[in-house]
Amino acid sequence: MNKFLLTIFSFIILALSPVLANQQDTSRNIEYSTGKVLEVISEKADKSLQESFGEKQLTQTLKVKVLKGSYKNKEYIIDNQLSGHPAYDIDLKTGDRVILEIEKTDDKPEIYITDKQRSPILLLLFGLFSLLILTIGGIKGLKSLISLVIITGLIIFLLIPAILNSFPIILTSIGICILATVITIFTIAGFNRKSIAAIIGTSGGLVTAGLLSILAIKLAPLNGLTDQESIILWTARPDLDFTGILTAAMIVAALGAIMDVGVSIASSIAECYAVNKSLTIKQLIKSGLNVGRDIIGTMSNTLVLAYIGSFLPLILLAANAPFLKLFNLNSIVAEIAAALVGSIGIVCCVPITAVAAGYLLGRKR
C-alpha cells in the first residue's frame, strides 16, 4: 500500500510540475514539425558563397512533405545550404526524415530544415532496454523503469524550470536529488529500515558532494562556462547563475553512483542481519564498512571513466598542451573537479550508510 501511494504521489508531482515551466515564446508564430525528403531536385555550387568561404559551398533544392501539424501532407520546395563543414551541414538524400521550423505568415509559410530526425533510434534503444530489464529483472525491473521515468521527470519538469526561473540553484538541486533518492529507493526496495538507511547514506553523500562542489568552484575559481553549450546559453540568458548551474551538474552527475553505493551497503548489512540476528550494531557496521571498501574503488573508477569517456575529444584536443596550461584550463579543471567531487561523495556515503543501517537494523526493536 505504501508503495502504491508513493507511486501515485510521484505521478501527481509530475503532472503538476509543468505549471512551473516557462511558456513557449509566441512573439514569432513558429511551429515545429517533421518532414520527409521526397526528392533532391538539384544540387548546385553557390558561386557567390564560394568566393567568400571556399569551394564546397553547395545548395540543395529539395521537395519536402510535411508529416505533422497544421501543414500536414503539404509539399514544399526548400533550399538547403551545405558549407563543407561536417559539424554544421545537413546533407540530405531522398527518403531522409527531417525536423522543420515553420514560420507562419499571411501568405506562404517560411520553412527551414533544422536537422535530421534522429529520435526513432532512441525510441528503439529505449524499447530494447525496457524489454531486457523487464525480462531479466521482472517486478524489480518494472520498478526500476518507473523510478527512472520519475527521476527524469523531476529533472526536466522541476529542476530545469527552477534554474530558468532563478530559484536558488544549489539548494533546489540537492532537494530534488534527495527527493529522487527517496522515491527511487522506496519504489524499488520498499518502505523499510534498509531503505531508510540507504536514503540517509545517499543524502549524506549528496550534501557532501554539493558542499565540495561549491568550495571547488569558489577556490578554483570556475566561471561555469566550460563548453560550447554553456557559452550559447550565456549568450541567450546572461542573467543565469552559471557557477550554480555547474554545481547542479556536478550534484546530478554524482547522484546515480552515490545512490548505488548506499543501496548496496544497506542491502548487504540487511542480508547479514537476516542470516544472523545475533549480530550487534558494531558488527553490522563493521560488515558494512568491509563491503564499502570493496565498492569504493570500482564505483570511483566508474565515475571517473564516465567523465573521461564523455569528454574524450576535449582531452585529445588538449593532449599536446603544456602540463601547466592543461591542468589550469577552465573546462579541464571543471571536469576533473566534478569527477573528484562525485568520488568523495561516494566515499562519504559508505560510513554514513554503514552506521545508519547498522543502528536501524541492529538495535533492539
Protein backbone atom coordinates (compact mmCIF):
# COMPACT_ATOMS: atom_id res chain seq x y z
CA MET A 1 0.00 0.00 0.00
CA ASN A 2 2.85 2.37 0.88
CA LYS A 3 4.49 1.70 -2.48
CA PHE A 4 1.23 2.33 -4.31
CA LEU A 5 0.61 5.65 -2.55
CA LEU A 6 4.19 6.73 -3.12
CA THR A 7 3.96 5.96 -6.84
CA ILE A 8 0.65 7.85 -7.16
CA PHE A 9 2.13 10.82 -5.28
CA SER A 10 5.14 10.86 -7.61
CA PHE A 11 2.98 10.95 -10.73
CA ILE A 12 0.87 13.76 -9.23
CA ILE A 13 4.08 15.79 -8.80
CA LEU A 14 4.99 15.17 -12.43
CA ALA A 15 1.50 16.13 -13.60
CA LEU A 16 1.52 19.45 -11.74
CA SER A 17 5.14 20.43 -12.26
CA PRO A 18 4.83 21.77 -15.85
CA VAL A 19 3.00 24.76 -14.34
CA LEU A 20 6.42 25.97 -13.21
CA ALA A 21 7.85 25.85 -16.72
CA ASN A 22 8.19 28.90 -18.94
CA GLN A 23 5.51 29.32 -21.56
CA GLN A 24 6.57 28.96 -25.19
CA ASP A 25 7.62 32.20 -26.85
CA THR A 26 4.81 33.24 -29.17
CA SER A 27 6.34 36.52 -30.34
CA ARG A 28 7.14 34.66 -33.56
CA ASN A 29 4.42 32.35 -34.82
CA ILE A 30 6.60 29.27 -35.19
CA GLU A 31 5.63 25.62 -35.42
CA TYR A 32 7.99 22.66 -35.39
CA SER A 33 7.15 19.55 -37.37
CA THR A 34 8.68 16.52 -39.04
CA GLY A 35 9.05 16.12 -42.78
CA LYS A 36 10.25 13.69 -45.41
CA VAL A 37 12.52 14.44 -48.36
CA LEU A 38 10.59 13.27 -51.42
CA GLU A 39 13.19 14.31 -53.99
CA VAL A 40 16.54 16.03 -54.32
CA ILE A 41 15.66 18.26 -57.26
CA SER A 42 19.14 19.72 -57.75
CA GLU A 43 22.47 20.25 -56.06
CA LYS A 44 24.36 23.27 -57.35
CA ALA A 45 27.53 25.08 -56.40
CA ASP A 46 26.85 28.50 -54.87
CA LYS A 47 29.41 30.73 -56.63
CA SER A 48 28.67 33.79 -54.52
CA LEU A 49 29.46 31.91 -51.33
CA GLN A 50 32.43 30.07 -52.85
CA GLU A 51 34.22 33.35 -53.36
CA SER A 52 33.91 34.13 -49.65
CA PHE A 53 34.04 30.76 -47.89
CA GLY A 54 35.65 28.23 -50.24
CA GLU A 55 34.80 25.77 -52.99
CA LYS A 56 32.48 23.42 -51.09
CA GLN A 57 29.51 25.77 -50.85
CA LEU A 58 26.54 23.90 -52.30
CA THR A 59 22.79 24.48 -52.38
CA GLN A 60 20.44 21.52 -52.35
CA THR A 61 16.94 22.13 -53.71
CA LEU A 62 14.58 19.64 -52.09
CA LYS A 63 10.94 18.65 -52.31
CA VAL A 64 9.78 18.04 -48.74
CA LYS A 65 6.47 16.70 -47.45
CA VAL A 66 5.26 17.90 -44.03
CA LEU A 67 4.19 14.91 -41.93
CA LYS A 68 2.58 16.55 -38.88
CA GLY A 69 0.95 19.73 -37.67
CA SER A 70 -1.04 22.45 -39.41
CA TYR A 71 0.59 21.81 -42.79
CA LYS A 72 0.35 18.03 -42.73
CA ASN A 73 0.66 16.30 -46.14
CA LYS A 74 1.55 19.55 -47.92
CA GLU A 75 4.66 19.62 -50.12
CA TYR A 76 7.17 22.48 -50.40
CA ILE A 77 10.37 23.26 -52.28
CA ILE A 78 13.11 24.11 -49.77
CA ASP A 79 16.74 25.16 -50.25
CA ASN A 80 19.35 23.53 -48.00
CA GLN A 81 22.82 25.14 -47.76
CA LEU A 82 25.95 22.97 -47.46
CA SER A 83 29.22 24.56 -46.38
CA GLY A 84 31.55 21.56 -46.39
CA HIS A 85 31.78 21.59 -42.58
CA PRO A 86 30.52 18.24 -41.16
CA ALA A 87 29.53 19.78 -37.84
CA TYR A 88 27.03 22.17 -39.41
CA ASP A 89 25.96 20.60 -42.71
CA ILE A 90 22.71 18.63 -43.04
CA ASP A 91 23.49 16.58 -46.13
CA LEU A 92 20.20 15.06 -47.27
CA LYS A 93 19.06 12.43 -49.74
CA THR A 94 15.70 11.13 -50.90
CA GLY A 95 13.80 9.38 -48.12
CA ASP A 96 15.50 11.19 -45.22
CA ARG A 97 13.26 12.45 -42.42
CA VAL A 98 13.95 15.96 -41.15
CA ILE A 99 12.91 18.45 -38.48
CA LEU A 100 11.20 21.53 -39.91
CA GLU A 101 10.86 25.00 -38.46
CA ILE A 102 7.73 26.57 -39.95
CA GLU A 103 7.25 30.31 -39.55
CA LYS A 104 3.63 31.09 -40.24
CA THR A 105 2.94 34.16 -42.35
CA ASP A 106 -0.10 35.67 -44.02
CA ASP A 107 0.98 34.23 -47.35
CA LYS A 108 3.15 31.18 -47.90
CA PRO A 109 4.86 29.87 -44.73
CA GLU A 110 8.64 30.11 -44.47
CA ILE A 111 10.07 26.65 -43.86
CA TYR A 112 13.60 25.78 -42.76
CA ILE A 113 15.30 22.44 -42.24
CA THR A 114 16.87 22.48 -38.79
CA ASP A 115 18.20 18.91 -38.56
CA LYS A 116 17.71 15.27 -39.40
CA GLN A 117 15.18 13.30 -37.38
CA ARG A 118 17.19 11.04 -35.08
CA SER A 119 14.75 10.28 -32.27
CA PRO A 120 13.42 6.96 -33.70
CA ILE A 121 16.71 5.19 -32.92
CA LEU A 122 16.48 6.46 -29.34
CA LEU A 123 12.99 5.04 -29.02
CA LEU A 124 14.24 1.74 -30.44
CA LEU A 125 17.12 1.57 -27.94
CA PHE A 126 14.86 2.52 -25.05
CA GLY A 127 12.40 -0.18 -26.13
CA LEU A 128 15.20 -2.75 -26.21
CA PHE A 129 16.44 -1.58 -22.81
CA SER A 130 12.92 -1.79 -21.34
CA LEU A 131 12.36 -5.26 -22.80
CA LEU A 132 15.63 -6.60 -21.38
CA ILE A 133 15.17 -5.04 -17.96
CA LEU A 134 11.61 -6.38 -17.70
CA THR A 135 12.60 -9.84 -18.95
CA ILE A 136 15.62 -10.20 -16.67
CA GLY A 137 14.55 -8.02 -13.74
CA GLY A 138 10.85 -8.89 -13.54
CA ILE A 139 8.96 -6.81 -10.99
CA LYS A 140 12.20 -5.19 -9.80
CA GLY A 141 12.91 -4.22 -13.39
CA LEU A 142 9.47 -2.63 -13.72
CA LYS A 143 10.05 -0.65 -10.54
CA SER A 144 13.43 0.46 -11.88
CA LEU A 145 11.79 1.74 -15.06
CA ILE A 146 9.17 3.63 -13.05
CA SER A 147 11.85 5.23 -10.89
CA LEU A 148 13.88 6.14 -13.98
CA VAL A 149 10.87 7.91 -15.51
CA ILE A 150 10.20 9.72 -12.24
CA ILE A 151 13.81 10.91 -11.84
CA THR A 152 13.91 12.11 -15.44
CA GLY A 153 10.63 13.93 -14.91
CA LEU A 154 11.88 15.60 -11.75
CA ILE A 155 14.93 16.93 -13.55
CA ILE A 156 13.08 18.06 -16.69
CA PHE A 157 9.93 19.46 -15.09
CA LEU A 158 11.23 20.72 -11.74
CA LEU A 159 14.99 21.33 -11.78
CA ILE A 160 15.28 22.93 -15.23
CA PRO A 161 12.30 25.31 -14.78
CA ALA A 162 13.63 26.22 -11.32
CA ILE A 163 17.01 27.15 -12.80
CA LEU A 164 15.43 29.14 -15.64
CA ASN A 165 13.23 31.00 -13.15
CA SER A 166 16.21 31.92 -10.92
CA PHE A 167 15.38 29.71 -7.93
CA PRO A 168 18.32 29.03 -5.55
CA ILE A 169 20.09 26.50 -7.77
CA ILE A 170 22.22 24.63 -5.25
CA LEU A 171 19.52 24.12 -2.61
CA THR A 172 17.00 23.22 -5.30
CA SER A 173 19.39 20.69 -6.89
CA ILE A 174 20.18 18.99 -3.59
CA GLY A 175 16.50 18.95 -2.61
CA ILE A 176 15.36 17.45 -5.92
CA CYS A 177 18.16 14.86 -5.86
CA ILE A 178 17.18 13.81 -2.32
CA LEU A 179 13.51 13.64 -3.40
CA ALA A 180 14.55 11.49 -6.36
CA THR A 181 16.54 9.28 -3.98
CA VAL A 182 13.58 8.81 -1.64
CA ILE A 183 11.17 7.97 -4.47
CA THR A 184 13.62 5.63 -6.22
CA ILE A 185 14.70 3.63 -3.17
CA PHE A 186 11.22 3.32 -1.69
CA THR A 187 9.82 2.29 -5.08
CA ILE A 188 12.48 -0.38 -5.68
CA ALA A 189 13.27 -1.65 -2.17
CA GLY A 190 10.03 -0.87 -0.32
CA PHE A 191 9.38 1.11 2.84
CA ASN A 192 11.67 -0.49 5.45
CA ARG A 193 14.73 0.16 7.59
CA LYS A 194 17.12 -0.89 4.86
CA SER A 195 15.66 1.73 2.52
CA ILE A 196 15.75 4.43 5.18
CA ALA A 197 19.43 3.68 5.85
CA ALA A 198 20.22 3.84 2.11
CA ILE A 199 18.41 7.19 1.86
CA ILE A 200 20.33 8.59 4.83
CA GLY A 201 23.66 7.49 3.37
CA THR A 202 22.87 8.73 -0.14
CA SER A 203 21.65 12.09 1.19
CA GLY A 204 24.83 12.47 3.23
CA GLY A 205 26.97 11.76 0.19
CA LEU A 206 24.97 14.21 -1.94
CA VAL A 207 25.23 17.00 0.63
CA THR A 208 28.98 16.38 0.90
CA ALA A 209 29.34 16.48 -2.90
CA GLY A 210 27.28 19.67 -3.05
CA LEU A 211 29.33 21.47 -0.42
CA LEU A 212 32.62 20.38 -2.01
CA SER A 213 31.48 21.46 -5.48
CA ILE A 214 30.66 24.93 -4.12
CA LEU A 215 34.09 25.08 -2.50
CA ALA A 216 35.91 23.86 -5.63
CA ILE A 217 34.13 26.34 -7.91
CA LYS A 218 34.82 29.18 -5.48
CA LEU A 219 38.51 28.45 -4.91
CA ALA A 220 39.49 27.39 -8.46
CA PRO A 221 37.77 29.75 -9.47
CA LEU A 222 35.47 28.45 -12.22
CA ASN A 223 33.03 30.63 -14.16
CA GLY A 224 30.68 27.85 -15.26
CA LEU A 225 31.30 28.42 -18.98
CA THR A 226 33.02 25.12 -19.58
CA ASP A 227 31.68 24.07 -23.00
CA GLN A 228 30.08 25.37 -26.17
CA GLU A 229 26.54 24.74 -24.89
CA SER A 230 27.04 26.85 -21.76
CA ILE A 231 28.52 29.67 -23.86
CA ILE A 232 25.50 29.59 -26.18
CA LEU A 233 23.21 29.62 -23.13
CA TRP A 234 25.10 32.59 -21.71
CA THR A 235 24.52 34.44 -24.98
CA ALA A 236 20.77 33.83 -24.70
CA ARG A 237 20.42 34.12 -20.90
CA PRO A 238 23.31 36.07 -19.35
CA ASP A 239 21.21 36.57 -16.21
CA LEU A 240 21.54 32.92 -15.15
CA ASP A 241 23.90 31.77 -12.40
CA PHE A 242 26.40 29.68 -14.38
CA THR A 243 28.54 28.69 -11.41
CA GLY A 244 25.35 27.45 -9.77
CA ILE A 245 24.45 25.52 -12.91
CA LEU A 246 27.90 23.90 -12.86
CA THR A 247 27.36 22.94 -9.22
CA ALA A 248 23.97 21.44 -10.05
CA ALA A 249 25.57 19.46 -12.89
CA MET A 250 28.15 18.03 -10.51
CA ILE A 251 25.49 17.03 -7.98
CA VAL A 252 23.17 15.41 -10.53
CA ALA A 253 26.08 13.58 -12.19
CA ALA A 254 27.11 12.04 -8.85
CA LEU A 255 23.56 11.04 -7.82
CA GLY A 256 23.40 7.65 -9.56
CA ALA A 257 26.75 6.37 -8.32
CA ILE A 258 26.20 7.56 -4.74
CA MET A 259 22.70 6.03 -4.65
CA ASP A 260 24.11 2.75 -5.97
CA VAL A 261 26.68 2.62 -3.17
CA GLY A 262 24.11 3.48 -0.49
CA VAL A 263 21.69 0.76 -1.59
CA SER A 264 24.46 -1.84 -1.96
CA ILE A 265 25.81 -1.30 1.55
CA ALA A 266 22.39 -1.15 3.19
CA SER A 267 21.33 -4.33 1.38
CA SER A 268 24.49 -6.19 2.39
CA ILE A 269 24.00 -5.27 6.06
CA ALA A 270 20.34 -6.28 5.86
CA GLU A 271 21.34 -9.68 4.43
CA CYS A 272 23.94 -10.19 7.17
CA TYR A 273 21.33 -9.42 9.81
CA ALA A 274 18.75 -11.71 8.15
CA VAL A 275 21.22 -14.62 8.28
CA ASN A 276 22.39 -13.97 11.85
CA LYS A 277 20.15 -11.83 14.03
CA SER A 278 22.56 -12.10 16.95
CA LEU A 279 24.97 -9.66 15.30
CA THR A 280 25.48 -6.46 17.27
CA ILE A 281 25.29 -2.93 15.90
CA LYS A 282 29.09 -2.72 15.94
CA GLN A 283 29.45 -5.97 14.00
CA LEU A 284 26.90 -4.87 11.40
CA ILE A 285 28.65 -1.54 10.91
CA LYS A 286 31.99 -3.32 10.52
CA SER A 287 30.49 -5.65 7.89
CA GLY A 288 29.07 -2.65 6.00
CA LEU A 289 32.44 -0.89 6.04
CA ASN A 290 34.18 -4.02 4.72
CA VAL A 291 31.72 -4.19 1.82
CA GLY A 292 32.08 -0.45 1.28
CA ARG A 293 35.85 -0.70 0.94
CA ASP A 294 35.41 -3.16 -1.92
CA ILE A 295 32.81 -0.93 -3.60
CA ILE A 296 34.66 2.37 -3.31
CA GLY A 297 37.39 1.57 -5.81
CA THR A 298 35.17 0.26 -8.58
CA MET A 299 32.48 2.94 -8.21
CA SER A 300 35.04 5.75 -8.18
CA ASN A 301 36.60 4.27 -11.30
CA THR A 302 33.16 4.11 -12.90
CA LEU A 303 32.52 7.78 -12.23
CA VAL A 304 35.93 8.96 -13.40
CA LEU A 305 35.84 6.80 -16.54
CA ALA A 306 32.34 8.08 -17.35
CA TYR A 307 33.68 11.65 -17.33
CA ILE A 308 36.72 10.69 -19.40
CA GLY A 309 34.54 8.93 -21.97
CA SER A 310 32.12 11.86 -22.21
CA PHE A 311 34.86 14.41 -22.78
CA LEU A 312 37.39 12.34 -24.73
CA PRO A 313 37.50 14.84 -27.67
CA LEU A 314 38.35 17.64 -25.24
CA ILE A 315 41.14 15.53 -23.72
CA LEU A 316 42.51 14.70 -27.18
CA LEU A 317 42.40 18.37 -28.13
CA ALA A 318 44.39 19.29 -25.05
CA ALA A 319 46.79 16.32 -25.22
CA ASN A 320 49.64 18.35 -26.76
CA ALA A 321 49.19 21.33 -24.45
CA PRO A 322 51.87 22.02 -21.83
CA PHE A 323 51.21 20.31 -18.50
CA LEU A 324 50.97 23.59 -16.61
CA LYS A 325 48.45 25.02 -19.05
CA LEU A 326 46.44 21.78 -19.38
CA PHE A 327 45.62 21.45 -15.69
CA ASN A 328 44.63 25.08 -15.39
CA LEU A 329 42.17 25.23 -18.29
CA ASN A 330 38.67 26.16 -17.13
CA SER A 331 36.99 23.22 -18.90
CA ILE A 332 39.58 20.60 -17.85
CA VAL A 333 39.57 21.71 -14.20
CA ALA A 334 35.75 21.64 -14.14
CA GLU A 335 35.62 18.03 -15.36
CA ILE A 336 38.36 16.82 -13.01
CA ALA A 337 36.70 18.62 -10.10
CA ALA A 338 33.33 17.04 -10.95
CA ALA A 339 34.84 13.53 -11.03
CA LEU A 340 36.67 14.06 -7.73
CA VAL A 341 33.67 15.64 -6.01
CA GLY A 342 31.49 12.69 -7.02
CA SER A 343 34.14 10.21 -5.85
CA ILE A 344 34.41 11.94 -2.46
CA GLY A 345 30.63 11.79 -2.19
CA ILE A 346 30.82 8.03 -2.78
CA VAL A 347 33.50 7.61 -0.11
CA CYS A 348 31.49 9.63 2.44
CA CYS A 349 28.34 7.66 1.63
CA VAL A 350 29.98 4.41 2.80
CA PRO A 351 30.43 5.14 6.54
CA ILE A 352 27.18 7.13 6.78
CA THR A 353 25.17 4.26 5.28
CA ALA A 354 27.02 1.63 7.34
CA VAL A 355 26.35 3.45 10.60
CA ALA A 356 22.71 4.19 9.73
CA ALA A 357 21.97 0.63 8.57
CA GLY A 358 23.85 -0.96 11.49
CA TYR A 359 21.93 1.11 14.01
CA LEU A 360 18.49 0.81 12.39
CA LEU A 361 18.75 -2.95 11.81
CA GLY A 362 20.76 -4.00 14.85
CA ARG A 363 19.12 -2.04 17.65
CA LYS A 364 16.59 -3.80 19.84
CA ARG A 365 13.12 -3.48 18.44
